[in-house]
Protein backbone atom coordinates (compact mmCIF):
# COMPACT_ATOMS: atom_id res chain seq x y z
CA UNK A 1 53.02 -15.78 93.05
CA UNK A 2 52.60 -13.03 95.65
CA UNK A 3 55.19 -10.27 95.57
CA UNK A 4 57.68 -9.78 98.38
CA UNK A 5 56.40 -7.51 101.09
CA UNK A 6 52.91 -8.96 101.43
CA UNK A 7 52.29 -9.23 105.19
CA UNK A 8 52.37 -12.93 106.07
CA UNK A 9 49.29 -12.59 108.26
CA UNK A 10 47.29 -11.42 105.25
CA UNK A 11 48.07 -14.39 102.98
CA UNK A 12 46.09 -17.04 104.91
CA UNK A 13 43.27 -14.52 105.31
CA UNK A 14 43.12 -13.90 101.57
CA UNK A 15 43.40 -17.59 100.70
CA UNK A 16 40.57 -18.47 103.10
CA UNK A 17 38.44 -15.75 101.54
CA UNK A 18 39.25 -17.06 98.05
CA UNK A 19 38.23 -20.61 98.99
CA UNK A 20 35.02 -19.39 100.57
CA UNK A 21 33.95 -17.25 97.62
CA UNK A 22 34.84 -19.89 95.01
CA UNK A 23 32.94 -22.44 97.10
CA UNK A 24 29.87 -20.23 97.18
CA UNK A 25 29.64 -18.85 93.65
CA UNK A 26 32.22 -20.72 91.54
CA UNK A 27 35.38 -19.40 89.93
CA UNK A 28 33.58 -17.77 86.99
CA UNK A 29 31.49 -15.51 89.20
CA UNK A 30 34.21 -14.84 91.74
CA UNK A 31 35.59 -11.31 91.61
CA UNK A 32 38.47 -9.54 93.32
CA UNK A 33 35.92 -7.21 94.89
CA UNK A 34 34.09 -10.16 96.49
CA UNK A 35 37.31 -11.64 97.83
CA UNK A 36 38.57 -8.32 99.15
CA UNK A 37 35.27 -7.66 100.94
CA UNK A 38 35.31 -11.13 102.52
CA UNK A 39 38.93 -10.75 103.61
CA UNK A 40 38.52 -7.17 104.79
CA UNK A 41 41.28 -5.77 102.56
CA UNK A 42 41.28 -3.46 99.57
CA UNK A 43 41.03 -4.81 96.04
CA UNK A 44 44.16 -2.83 95.27
CA UNK A 45 46.19 -4.95 97.69
CA UNK A 46 45.06 -8.14 95.96
CA UNK A 47 45.85 -6.78 92.50
CA UNK A 48 49.22 -5.46 93.63
CA UNK A 49 50.50 -8.54 95.42
CA UNK A 50 48.73 -11.33 93.54
CA UNK A 51 47.92 -9.90 90.12
CA UNK A 52 44.19 -10.41 90.56
CA UNK A 53 41.90 -13.42 90.85
CA UNK A 54 44.07 -15.80 88.83
CA UNK A 55 47.05 -15.08 91.05
CA UNK A 56 45.01 -15.80 94.14
CA UNK A 57 43.79 -19.10 92.68
CA UNK A 58 47.41 -20.00 91.93
CA UNK A 59 48.51 -19.19 95.48
CA UNK A 60 45.50 -20.96 96.99
CA UNK A 61 46.29 -24.13 95.05
CA UNK A 62 49.93 -23.96 96.12
CA UNK A 63 48.73 -23.91 99.71
CA UNK A 64 46.33 -26.82 99.13
CA UNK A 65 49.03 -28.84 97.38
CA UNK A 66 51.50 -28.15 100.18
CA UNK A 67 48.96 -29.40 102.72
CA UNK A 68 48.34 -32.48 100.56
CA UNK A 69 52.06 -33.25 100.32
CA UNK A 70 52.54 -32.73 104.05
CA UNK A 71 49.66 -35.07 104.84
CA UNK A 72 50.99 -37.81 102.57
CA UNK A 73 54.52 -37.47 103.91
CA UNK A 74 53.42 -37.63 107.54
CA UNK A 75 51.41 -40.80 106.91
CA UNK A 76 54.21 -42.51 104.98
CA UNK A 77 56.93 -41.62 107.45
CA UNK A 78 54.88 -43.04 110.32
CA UNK A 79 55.29 -46.54 108.80
CA UNK A 80 58.37 -48.78 108.43
CA UNK A 81 60.11 -48.65 105.04
CA UNK A 82 59.62 -52.41 104.63
CA UNK A 83 55.82 -52.11 104.71
CA UNK A 84 55.39 -51.01 101.08
CA UNK A 85 51.70 -51.84 100.74
CA UNK A 86 50.81 -50.04 103.96
CA UNK A 87 52.81 -47.07 102.72
CA UNK A 88 50.88 -47.14 99.43
CA UNK A 89 47.71 -47.14 101.49
CA UNK A 90 49.08 -44.17 103.43
CA UNK A 91 49.56 -42.28 100.16
CA UNK A 92 45.96 -43.04 99.22
CA UNK A 93 44.74 -41.96 102.65
CA UNK A 94 46.66 -38.71 102.40
CA UNK A 95 44.83 -37.86 99.19
CA UNK A 96 41.54 -38.26 101.06
CA UNK A 97 42.67 -36.44 104.19
CA UNK A 98 39.98 -34.45 105.98
CA UNK A 99 41.69 -31.19 104.98
CA UNK A 100 41.38 -32.15 101.33
CA UNK A 101 37.73 -33.14 101.79
CA UNK A 102 36.72 -29.70 103.03
CA UNK A 103 33.87 -28.68 100.65
CA UNK A 104 35.59 -25.37 99.93
CA UNK A 105 38.81 -27.16 99.00
CA UNK A 106 37.01 -29.68 96.80
CA UNK A 107 35.26 -26.92 94.85
CA UNK A 108 38.57 -25.08 94.47
CA UNK A 109 40.13 -28.28 93.11
CA UNK A 110 37.40 -28.42 90.47
CA UNK A 111 38.00 -24.79 89.55
CA UNK A 112 41.74 -25.46 89.40
CA UNK A 113 41.37 -28.46 87.08
CA UNK A 114 39.09 -26.55 84.74
CA UNK A 115 41.30 -23.46 84.68
CA UNK A 116 44.51 -25.49 84.27
CA UNK A 117 43.44 -26.31 80.72
CA UNK A 118 43.80 -22.62 79.86
CA UNK A 119 46.56 -21.43 82.20
CA UNK A 120 50.11 -22.72 81.72
CA UNK A 121 51.22 -22.02 85.29
CA UNK A 122 48.25 -23.89 86.74
CA UNK A 123 48.85 -26.70 84.22
CA UNK A 124 52.43 -26.91 85.44
CA UNK A 125 51.23 -27.24 89.05
CA UNK A 126 48.92 -30.06 87.98
CA UNK A 127 51.73 -31.88 86.16
CA UNK A 128 54.01 -31.58 89.19
CA UNK A 129 51.30 -32.94 91.47
CA UNK A 130 50.54 -35.84 89.12
CA UNK A 131 54.20 -36.77 88.73
CA UNK A 132 54.76 -36.64 92.49
CA UNK A 133 51.84 -38.98 93.17
CA UNK A 134 52.96 -41.50 90.56
CA UNK A 135 56.56 -41.31 91.73
CA UNK A 136 55.61 -42.01 95.36
CA UNK A 137 53.39 -44.93 94.38
CA UNK A 138 55.97 -46.48 92.03
CA UNK A 139 58.71 -46.15 94.64
CA UNK A 140 56.78 -48.18 97.18
CA UNK A 141 55.39 -50.71 94.69
CA UNK A 142 58.85 -51.41 93.29
CA UNK A 143 59.66 -53.04 96.63
CA UNK A 144 57.36 -55.93 95.77
CA UNK A 145 56.73 -55.69 92.00
CA UNK A 146 58.80 -55.37 88.85
CA UNK A 147 59.31 -51.91 87.34
CA UNK A 148 56.62 -52.45 84.69
CA UNK A 149 54.18 -53.97 87.14
CA UNK A 150 54.72 -51.12 89.58
CA UNK A 151 54.12 -48.59 86.81
CA UNK A 152 50.84 -50.24 85.79
CA UNK A 153 49.50 -50.55 89.34
CA UNK A 154 50.55 -47.00 90.23
CA UNK A 155 48.78 -45.65 87.16
CA UNK A 156 45.62 -47.52 88.11
CA UNK A 157 45.69 -46.25 91.69
CA UNK A 158 46.22 -42.66 90.53
CA UNK A 159 43.32 -42.97 88.08
CA UNK A 160 41.05 -44.26 90.84
CA UNK A 161 42.05 -41.42 93.17
CA UNK A 162 41.28 -38.84 90.48
CA UNK A 163 38.05 -40.54 89.46
CA UNK A 164 36.71 -40.87 92.99
CA UNK A 165 37.73 -37.30 93.70
CA UNK A 166 36.01 -35.93 90.61
CA UNK A 167 32.83 -37.92 91.17
CA UNK A 168 32.72 -36.91 94.82
CA UNK A 169 33.34 -33.24 94.12
CA UNK A 170 30.51 -33.20 91.60
CA UNK A 171 28.09 -35.13 93.79
CA UNK A 172 28.57 -33.31 97.07
CA UNK A 173 31.43 -35.06 98.84
CA UNK A 174 33.66 -38.10 99.24
CA UNK A 175 33.25 -40.75 101.93
CA UNK A 176 36.85 -41.29 103.00
CA UNK A 177 36.47 -44.86 104.30
CA UNK A 178 34.63 -46.03 101.19
CA UNK A 179 37.18 -44.42 98.88
CA UNK A 180 40.11 -46.07 100.65
CA UNK A 181 38.28 -49.42 100.76
CA UNK A 182 37.60 -49.33 97.02
CA UNK A 183 41.24 -48.61 96.20
CA UNK A 184 42.36 -51.26 98.71
CA UNK A 185 40.31 -53.78 96.77
CA UNK A 186 41.98 -52.74 93.52
CA UNK A 187 45.45 -53.04 95.07
CA UNK A 188 44.73 -56.50 96.44
CA UNK A 189 43.40 -57.63 93.08
CA UNK A 190 46.44 -56.31 91.22
CA UNK A 191 48.88 -57.90 93.65
CA UNK A 192 47.04 -61.16 93.30
CA UNK A 193 47.63 -61.05 89.56
CA UNK A 194 51.38 -60.63 89.92
CA UNK A 195 52.32 -62.61 92.99
CA UNK A 196 51.18 -65.43 95.23
CA UNK A 197 50.39 -64.30 98.77
CA UNK A 198 53.59 -65.97 100.00
CA UNK A 199 55.70 -63.53 97.99
CA UNK A 200 53.96 -60.32 98.96
CA UNK A 201 54.24 -59.22 102.59
CA UNK A 202 51.15 -57.31 103.61
CA UNK A 203 50.84 -55.87 107.10
CA UNK A 204 48.36 -57.79 109.20
CA UNK A 205 46.13 -54.77 109.70
CA UNK A 206 45.81 -54.06 105.95
């Protein structure tokens, strides 16, 4: 976490520089000197306020996760509470928001996942993000499925999101419409296993 006193105008500048450098050369080759040059600040400022490269990665991921959460929340809150399947779809769409599909962000996600295996603070951020996604999905699915059914379907949706994300990040990008369509198909199939169409209310535009 950055220390108190870091000028607010500098934080976005440093985070943008971090994303750009990681996107270009990868986390392993990224150095504080490269980031400081890109951001136009001294390496000493980065080390003082962020504790070096790892601190900047931590802060960058916090920013990315905040944007992810904001995008999901905005999409969910734009829909009626009694449209659970559309709200599940909104959660999926938020995870494939255009901000998250920025190539720099996708490469930073990959770096984050790899580094989280060796950094407890980054691992904690990953656990929080995973739990939040599952919690949101289960909450909506419980409106039309049993607790156990909702848990199973939510776990499957989360696995698909992660899988599509990982494959896309490694292959050069994710096609948002195709990703959402694939997960839509999974949701429909799962709902069909648990309920007849007369018992599950799906918005007409789903």
